[in-house]
Amino acid sequence: MNIYVANIPWKATEEQLRDLFSQYGEVSSAKIIMDKVTQRSRGFGFVEMSDDAAGRQAIASLNGNDFLGKNLVVNEARPREDRPAGGGFRSGGGFRRSSFNRED
């Protein structure tokens, strides 16, 4: 089961996240998502548990609980949606040159 975890404190490590969830069963992986530019935590991550029943128990027990001073938001992860290439900007966008060269 893949579990989405939000509101993770910036000081938290993947090891601490793994330890927290391992109280409920075997953790296959624990990943905190990092910003590509700053290399700082983005405050969310994913935990994979090998047993679905253990994963559901972890979600029920940990959602809203305090973790290093912040209340976690814990849900079953949804499948990743396809997003348009280019970061969401429309192709062909930009400004029109003629709007800046007006002589009104």
C-alpha atoms as a PDB file:
ATOM      1  CA  MET A   1       0.000   0.000   0.000  1.00  0.00           C
ATOM      2  CA  ASN A   2       1.282   3.449  -0.920  1.00  0.00           C
ATOM      3  CA  ILE A   3       0.528   6.125   1.695  1.00  0.00           C
ATOM      4  CA  TYR A   4       0.636   9.905   1.199  1.00  0.00           C
ATOM      5  CA  VAL A   5       1.921  11.856   4.212  1.00  0.00           C
ATOM      6  CA  ALA A   6       1.576  15.656   4.365  1.00  0.00           C
ATOM      7  CA  ASN A   7       2.544  18.326   6.880  1.00  0.00           C
ATOM      8  CA  ILE A   8       5.876  16.647   7.582  1.00  0.00           C
ATOM      9  CA  PRO A   9       8.171  18.957   9.576  1.00  0.00           C
ATOM     10  CA  TRP A  10      11.148  20.203   7.560  1.00  0.00           C
ATOM     11  CA  LYS A  11      13.559  18.842  10.156  1.00  0.00           C
ATOM     12  CA  ALA A  12      12.180  15.280   9.824  1.00  0.00           C
ATOM     13  CA  THR A  13      14.294  12.597   8.159  1.00  0.00           C
ATOM     14  CA  GLU A  14      13.210   9.631   6.075  1.00  0.00           C
ATOM     15  CA  GLU A  15      14.574   7.391   8.848  1.00  0.00           C
ATOM     16  CA  GLN A  16      12.273   9.027  11.419  1.00  0.00           C
ATOM     17  CA  LEU A  17       9.299   8.672   9.065  1.00  0.00           C
ATOM     18  CA  ARG A  18      10.134   5.001   8.504  1.00  0.00           C
ATOM     19  CA  ASP A  19      10.397   4.422  12.271  1.00  0.00           C
ATOM     20  CA  LEU A  20       7.030   6.078  12.881  1.00  0.00           C
ATOM     21  CA  PHE A  21       5.203   3.855  10.380  1.00  0.00           C
ATOM     22  CA  SER A  22       7.111   0.685  11.268  1.00  0.00           C
ATOM     23  CA  GLN A  23       5.150   0.559  14.539  1.00  0.00           C
ATOM     24  CA  TYR A  24       2.230  -0.701  12.421  1.00  0.00           C
ATOM     25  CA  GLY A  25       4.010  -3.148  10.124  1.00  0.00           C
ATOM     26  CA  GLU A  26       6.799  -3.632   7.618  1.00  0.00           C
ATOM     27  CA  VAL A  27       7.773  -0.472   5.733  1.00  0.00           C
ATOM     28  CA  SER A  28       9.077  -1.111   2.214  1.00  0.00           C
ATOM     29  CA  SER A  29      10.157   2.497   1.669  1.00  0.00           C
ATOM     30  CA  ALA A  30       9.829   5.982   3.146  1.00  0.00           C
ATOM     31  CA  LYS A  31      10.503   8.997   0.932  1.00  0.00           C
ATOM     32  CA  ILE A  32      10.331  12.706   1.764  1.00  0.00           C
ATOM     33  CA  ILE A  33       9.980  14.800  -1.394  1.00  0.00           C
ATOM     34  CA  MET A  34      12.717  17.406  -1.772  1.00  0.00           C
ATOM     35  CA  ASP A  35      12.670  20.651  -3.753  1.00  0.00           C
ATOM     36  CA  LYS A  36      14.902  20.285  -6.810  1.00  0.00           C
ATOM     37  CA  VAL A  37      16.365  23.784  -6.521  1.00  0.00           C
ATOM     38  CA  THR A  38      16.793  24.332  -2.775  1.00  0.00           C
ATOM     39  CA  GLN A  39      17.200  20.661  -1.755  1.00  0.00           C
ATOM     40  CA  ARG A  40      14.867  21.333   1.217  1.00  0.00           C
ATOM     41  CA  SER A  41      11.905  19.207   2.193  1.00  0.00           C
ATOM     42  CA  ARG A  42       8.636  20.135   0.488  1.00  0.00           C
ATOM     43  CA  GLY A  43       6.757  18.966   3.593  1.00  0.00           C
ATOM     44  CA  PHE A  44       5.220  15.816   2.162  1.00  0.00           C
ATOM     45  CA  GLY A  45       6.232  12.313   1.248  1.00  0.00           C
ATOM     46  CA  PHE A  46       5.218   8.722   0.676  1.00  0.00           C
ATOM     47  CA  VAL A  47       5.465   5.578   2.745  1.00  0.00           C
ATOM     48  CA  GLU A  48       5.062   2.148   1.176  1.00  0.00           C
ATOM     49  CA  MET A  49       3.907  -0.711   3.379  1.00  0.00           C
ATOM     50  CA  SER A  50       3.882  -4.323   2.202  1.00  0.00           C
ATOM     51  CA  ASP A  51       0.643  -5.223   4.018  1.00  0.00           C
ATOM     52  CA  ASP A  52      -2.573  -3.328   3.138  1.00  0.00           C
ATOM     53  CA  ALA A  53      -4.185  -4.037   6.529  1.00  0.00           C
ATOM     54  CA  ALA A  54      -1.149  -2.619   8.337  1.00  0.00           C
ATOM     55  CA  GLY A  55      -1.224   0.395   6.011  1.00  0.00           C
ATOM     56  CA  ARG A  56      -4.892   1.088   6.776  1.00  0.00           C
ATOM     57  CA  GLN A  57      -4.171   0.796  10.501  1.00  0.00           C
ATOM     58  CA  ALA A  58      -1.252   3.225  10.187  1.00  0.00           C
ATOM     59  CA  ILE A  59      -3.458   5.719   8.287  1.00  0.00           C
ATOM     60  CA  ALA A  60      -6.222   5.497  10.909  1.00  0.00           C
ATOM     61  CA  SER A  61      -3.782   5.830  13.806  1.00  0.00           C
ATOM     62  CA  LEU A  62      -1.417   8.510  12.472  1.00  0.00           C
ATOM     63  CA  ASN A  63      -3.750  10.887  10.610  1.00  0.00           C
ATOM     64  CA  GLY A  64      -3.941  14.061  12.713  1.00  0.00           C
ATOM     65  CA  ASN A  65      -1.316  12.867  15.211  1.00  0.00           C
ATOM     66  CA  ASP A  66       1.610  14.990  16.311  1.00  0.00           C
ATOM     67  CA  PHE A  67       4.969  14.220  14.684  1.00  0.00           C
ATOM     68  CA  LEU A  68       7.883  16.422  15.755  1.00  0.00           C
ATOM     69  CA  GLY A  69       5.516  19.292  16.568  1.00  0.00           C
ATOM     70  CA  LYS A  70       3.188  19.130  13.530  1.00  0.00           C
ATOM     71  CA  ASN A  71      -0.068  17.244  12.975  1.00  0.00           C
ATOM     72  CA  LEU A  72       0.354  14.818  10.082  1.00  0.00           C
ATOM     73  CA  VAL A  73      -2.159  14.389   7.279  1.00  0.00           C
ATOM     74  CA  VAL A  74      -2.103  10.716   6.267  1.00  0.00           C
ATOM     75  CA  ASN A  75      -4.133   9.201   3.405  1.00  0.00           C
ATOM     76  CA  GLU A  76      -3.927   6.389   0.912  1.00  0.00           C
ATOM     77  CA  ALA A  77      -1.985   7.734  -2.058  1.00  0.00           C
ATOM     78  CA  ARG A  78      -3.908   8.275  -5.286  1.00  0.00           C
ATOM     79  CA  PRO A  79      -2.420   7.287  -8.643  1.00  0.00           C
ATOM     80  CA  ARG A  80      -0.317  10.017 -10.197  1.00  0.00           C
ATOM     81  CA  GLU A  81      -2.181  12.071 -12.803  1.00  0.00           C
ATOM     82  CA  ASP A  82      -0.635  12.893 -16.151  1.00  0.00           C
ATOM     83  CA  ARG A  83       0.243  16.553 -16.344  1.00  0.00           C
ATOM     84  CA  PRO A  84       0.955  18.636 -19.431  1.00  0.00           C
ATOM     85  CA  ALA A  85       4.611  19.127 -20.269  1.00  0.00           C
ATOM     86  CA  GLY A  86       6.175  22.498 -19.555  1.00  0.00           C
ATOM     87  CA  GLY A  87       5.081  23.008 -15.973  1.00  0.00           C
ATOM     88  CA  GLY A  88       1.508  23.909 -16.838  1.00  0.00           C
ATOM     89  CA  PHE A  89       2.283  26.891 -19.048  1.00  0.00           C
ATOM     90  CA  ARG A  90       0.463  27.084 -22.335  1.00  0.00           C
ATOM     91  CA  SER A  91       2.611  26.672 -25.378  1.00  0.00           C
ATOM     92  CA  GLY A  92       2.835  29.704 -27.619  1.00  0.00           C
ATOM     93  CA  GLY A  93       2.238  32.030 -24.688  1.00  0.00           C
ATOM     94  CA  GLY A  94       4.099  35.141 -23.806  1.00  0.00           C
ATOM     95  CA  PHE A  95       3.449  38.766 -24.609  1.00  0.00           C
ATOM     96  CA  ARG A  96       2.556  40.348 -27.885  1.00  0.00           C
ATOM     97  CA  ARG A  97       5.215  42.700 -29.042  1.00  0.00           C
ATOM     98  CA  SER A  98       2.728  45.035 -30.724  1.00  0.00           C
ATOM     99  CA  SER A  99       1.081  45.872 -27.384  1.00  0.00           C
ATOM    100  CA  PHE A 100       4.312  47.481 -26.182  1.00  0.00           C
ATOM    101  CA  ASN A 101       5.098  49.427 -29.348  1.00  0.00           C
ATOM    102  CA  ARG A 102       1.864  51.359 -29.606  1.00  0.00           C
ATOM    103  CA  GLU A 103       1.930  55.030 -30.400  1.00  0.00           C
ATOM    104  CA  ASP A 104      -1.481  56.105 -29.090  1.00  0.00           C
END
